[in-house]
Amino acid sequence: MQPYNTAKIYRIVCNATAKCYIGATTLPTIQHRLKSHLAQFKSFNKGQGDFMSSFKILQSGDYIVELLENVKYVNRSEVDDIENKYINDNDCVNINRRTTCPHRLKNADAIREKTRQARTIKKTCECGSVITPQHMARHKRTMKHCRFIVTKTPTN
């Protein structure tokens, strides 16, 4: 029999609006996970990283973090299912919901391959650089691209 791992289902609640974010973590405590959310929020405010729906709660600065449930699991999908139940049963700000739908599980390899292929398709920017779509935002901050925008003449 496989040993169980432990996870925690938690929520971050805004004291001003009562809106909440629900998440799951395998970190030792929910305070560790909150610190991670705060570090990601700080990076996002500096122009780094992606938006996370928990930021809607953290931006107020007036929130609490609560443990909803300790979960023993063998497969991480068990935790995702429990987290999804909490998300679906509550009015929360979560945007991305974990999915373990049968189609995704059955076709995981095909989906992964299609995603990999889409990421290898290169496009030519107006400045003449050839890049992949996921690097477009970073590219548009480069000196080469900025010079092109100002002068409208490609540089090599």
Protein backbone atom coordinates (compact mmCIF):
# COMPACT_ATOMS: atom_id res chain seq x y z
CA MET A 1 0.00 0.00 0.00
CA GLN A 2 1.30 3.44 -0.93
CA PRO A 3 1.94 5.94 1.85
CA TYR A 4 -0.39 8.90 2.00
CA ASN A 5 0.76 12.44 1.31
CA THR A 6 -0.91 15.41 2.96
CA ALA A 7 -2.31 18.58 1.48
CA LYS A 8 -4.31 21.50 2.79
CA ILE A 9 -7.33 23.18 1.26
CA TYR A 10 -7.40 26.84 2.32
CA ARG A 11 -9.12 30.07 1.57
CA ILE A 12 -8.01 33.68 1.67
CA VAL A 13 -10.89 35.97 2.67
CA CYS A 14 -11.02 39.74 2.17
CA ASN A 15 -12.28 41.32 5.39
CA ALA A 16 -13.63 44.36 3.52
CA THR A 17 -15.63 42.59 0.79
CA ALA A 18 -15.98 39.00 2.12
CA LYS A 19 -14.78 37.73 -1.28
CA CYS A 20 -12.57 34.67 -1.08
CA TYR A 21 -9.96 32.72 -2.99
CA ILE A 22 -9.74 28.94 -2.49
CA GLY A 23 -6.55 27.00 -3.04
CA ALA A 24 -4.70 23.82 -2.17
CA THR A 25 -1.11 23.36 -1.08
CA THR A 26 1.30 20.61 -0.16
CA LEU A 27 3.54 23.06 1.71
CA PRO A 28 3.94 22.43 5.45
CA THR A 29 1.58 25.26 6.47
CA ILE A 30 -0.95 27.56 4.81
CA GLN A 31 1.17 30.48 6.05
CA HIS A 32 3.99 29.22 3.81
CA ARG A 33 1.58 29.24 0.87
CA LEU A 34 0.34 32.72 1.77
CA LYS A 35 3.95 33.96 1.70
CA SER A 36 4.28 32.48 -1.76
CA HIS A 37 1.09 34.25 -2.91
CA LEU A 38 2.44 37.53 -1.50
CA ALA A 39 5.82 37.08 -3.23
CA GLN A 40 4.05 36.42 -6.55
CA PHE A 41 1.81 39.46 -5.99
CA LYS A 42 4.86 41.63 -5.28
CA SER A 43 6.58 40.38 -8.46
CA PHE A 44 3.43 40.98 -10.50
CA ASN A 45 3.27 44.57 -9.25
CA LYS A 46 6.85 45.04 -10.48
CA GLY A 47 5.82 43.88 -13.95
CA GLN A 48 7.03 40.30 -13.59
CA GLY A 49 4.96 37.13 -13.59
CA ASP A 50 1.36 36.48 -14.46
CA PHE A 51 -1.87 37.60 -12.82
CA MET A 52 -3.38 35.19 -10.32
CA SER A 53 -6.96 35.47 -9.10
CA SER A 54 -5.75 35.50 -5.46
CA PHE A 55 -4.38 39.00 -6.17
CA LYS A 56 -7.96 40.32 -6.14
CA ILE A 57 -8.02 39.53 -2.42
CA LEU A 58 -4.42 40.42 -1.56
CA GLN A 59 -4.58 43.91 -3.08
CA SER A 60 -6.85 45.12 -0.26
CA GLY A 61 -4.21 44.30 2.34
CA ASP A 62 -7.04 43.33 4.73
CA TYR A 63 -7.46 39.56 4.57
CA ILE A 64 -7.18 36.36 6.56
CA VAL A 65 -6.15 32.87 5.55
CA GLU A 66 -8.16 29.91 6.87
CA LEU A 67 -7.61 26.17 6.74
CA LEU A 68 -10.67 24.45 5.29
CA GLU A 69 -9.53 20.86 5.27
CA ASN A 70 -6.48 18.62 5.71
CA VAL A 71 -6.44 16.03 2.94
CA LYS A 72 -4.61 12.71 2.83
CA TYR A 73 -4.07 11.58 -0.74
CA VAL A 74 -2.21 9.18 -2.97
CA ASN A 75 -2.76 11.01 -6.29
CA ARG A 76 -2.72 14.80 -6.60
CA SER A 77 -5.92 14.60 -8.65
CA GLU A 78 -7.73 13.63 -5.43
CA VAL A 79 -6.73 17.00 -3.93
CA ASP A 80 -7.75 18.81 -7.12
CA ASP A 81 -11.20 17.20 -6.97
CA ILE A 82 -11.73 18.31 -3.36
CA GLU A 83 -10.44 21.82 -4.14
CA ASN A 84 -12.83 22.00 -7.12
CA LYS A 85 -15.74 21.02 -4.91
CA TYR A 86 -14.96 23.90 -2.54
CA ILE A 87 -14.56 26.31 -5.47
CA ASN A 88 -17.84 25.24 -7.06
CA ASP A 89 -19.76 25.29 -3.76
CA ASN A 90 -18.62 28.81 -2.82
CA ASP A 91 -18.75 32.23 -4.40
CA CYS A 92 -15.05 32.86 -4.93
CA VAL A 93 -12.75 34.84 -7.21
CA ASN A 94 -10.94 31.79 -8.61
CA ILE A 95 -10.52 31.96 -12.37
CA ASN A 96 -8.69 28.72 -13.14
CA ARG A 97 -10.30 25.61 -11.83
CA ARG A 98 -8.39 22.37 -11.69
CA THR A 99 -9.67 19.87 -14.15
CA THR A 100 -9.63 16.12 -14.11
CA CYS A 101 -12.35 15.69 -16.71
CA PRO A 102 -12.30 12.31 -18.46
CA HIS A 103 -11.51 13.83 -21.89
CA ARG A 104 -8.37 15.56 -20.59
CA LEU A 105 -7.21 12.48 -18.70
CA LYS A 106 -7.80 10.18 -21.67
CA ASN A 107 -6.14 12.52 -24.19
CA ALA A 108 -3.38 14.00 -22.01
CA ASP A 109 -0.55 12.95 -24.34
CA ALA A 110 -2.28 14.29 -27.45
CA ILE A 111 -3.12 17.58 -25.72
CA ARG A 112 0.45 17.92 -24.47
CA GLU A 113 1.84 17.25 -27.97
CA LYS A 114 -0.54 19.74 -29.60
CA THR A 115 0.48 22.39 -27.06
CA ARG A 116 4.18 21.63 -27.62
CA GLN A 117 3.77 21.97 -31.39
CA ALA A 118 1.87 25.26 -31.03
CA ARG A 119 4.71 26.65 -28.93
CA THR A 120 7.32 25.83 -31.57
CA ILE A 121 5.61 27.81 -34.34
CA LYS A 122 7.66 30.93 -34.93
CA LYS A 123 6.31 34.23 -36.14
CA THR A 124 8.05 37.22 -37.64
CA CYS A 125 7.61 40.45 -35.70
CA GLU A 126 7.16 43.75 -37.50
CA CYS A 127 10.75 44.60 -36.55
CA GLY A 128 12.05 41.53 -38.37
CA SER A 129 12.78 39.26 -35.41
CA VAL A 130 11.60 35.67 -35.59
CA ILE A 131 10.14 34.54 -32.25
CA THR A 132 7.63 32.18 -30.67
CA PRO A 133 4.30 33.66 -29.55
CA GLN A 134 4.93 33.05 -25.84
CA HIS A 135 8.04 35.26 -26.04
CA MET A 136 6.31 38.15 -27.83
CA ALA A 137 5.71 40.27 -24.70
CA ARG A 138 9.36 39.93 -23.64
CA HIS A 139 10.55 40.66 -27.18
CA LYS A 140 8.50 43.87 -27.38
CA ARG A 141 10.56 45.22 -24.45
CA THR A 142 13.90 44.61 -26.20
CA MET A 143 16.01 47.48 -27.49
CA LYS A 144 15.84 46.07 -31.02
CA HIS A 145 12.05 46.20 -31.08
CA CYS A 146 11.85 49.59 -29.34
CA ARG A 147 14.32 51.12 -31.80
CA PHE A 148 12.25 49.79 -34.69
CA ILE A 149 9.06 51.28 -33.27
CA VAL A 150 10.75 54.67 -32.97
CA THR A 151 12.57 54.65 -36.33
CA LYS A 152 10.38 52.18 -38.32
CA THR A 153 13.54 50.74 -39.91
CA PRO A 154 14.54 47.13 -39.18
CA THR A 155 17.92 46.48 -37.59
CA ASN A 156 19.92 43.29 -38.00
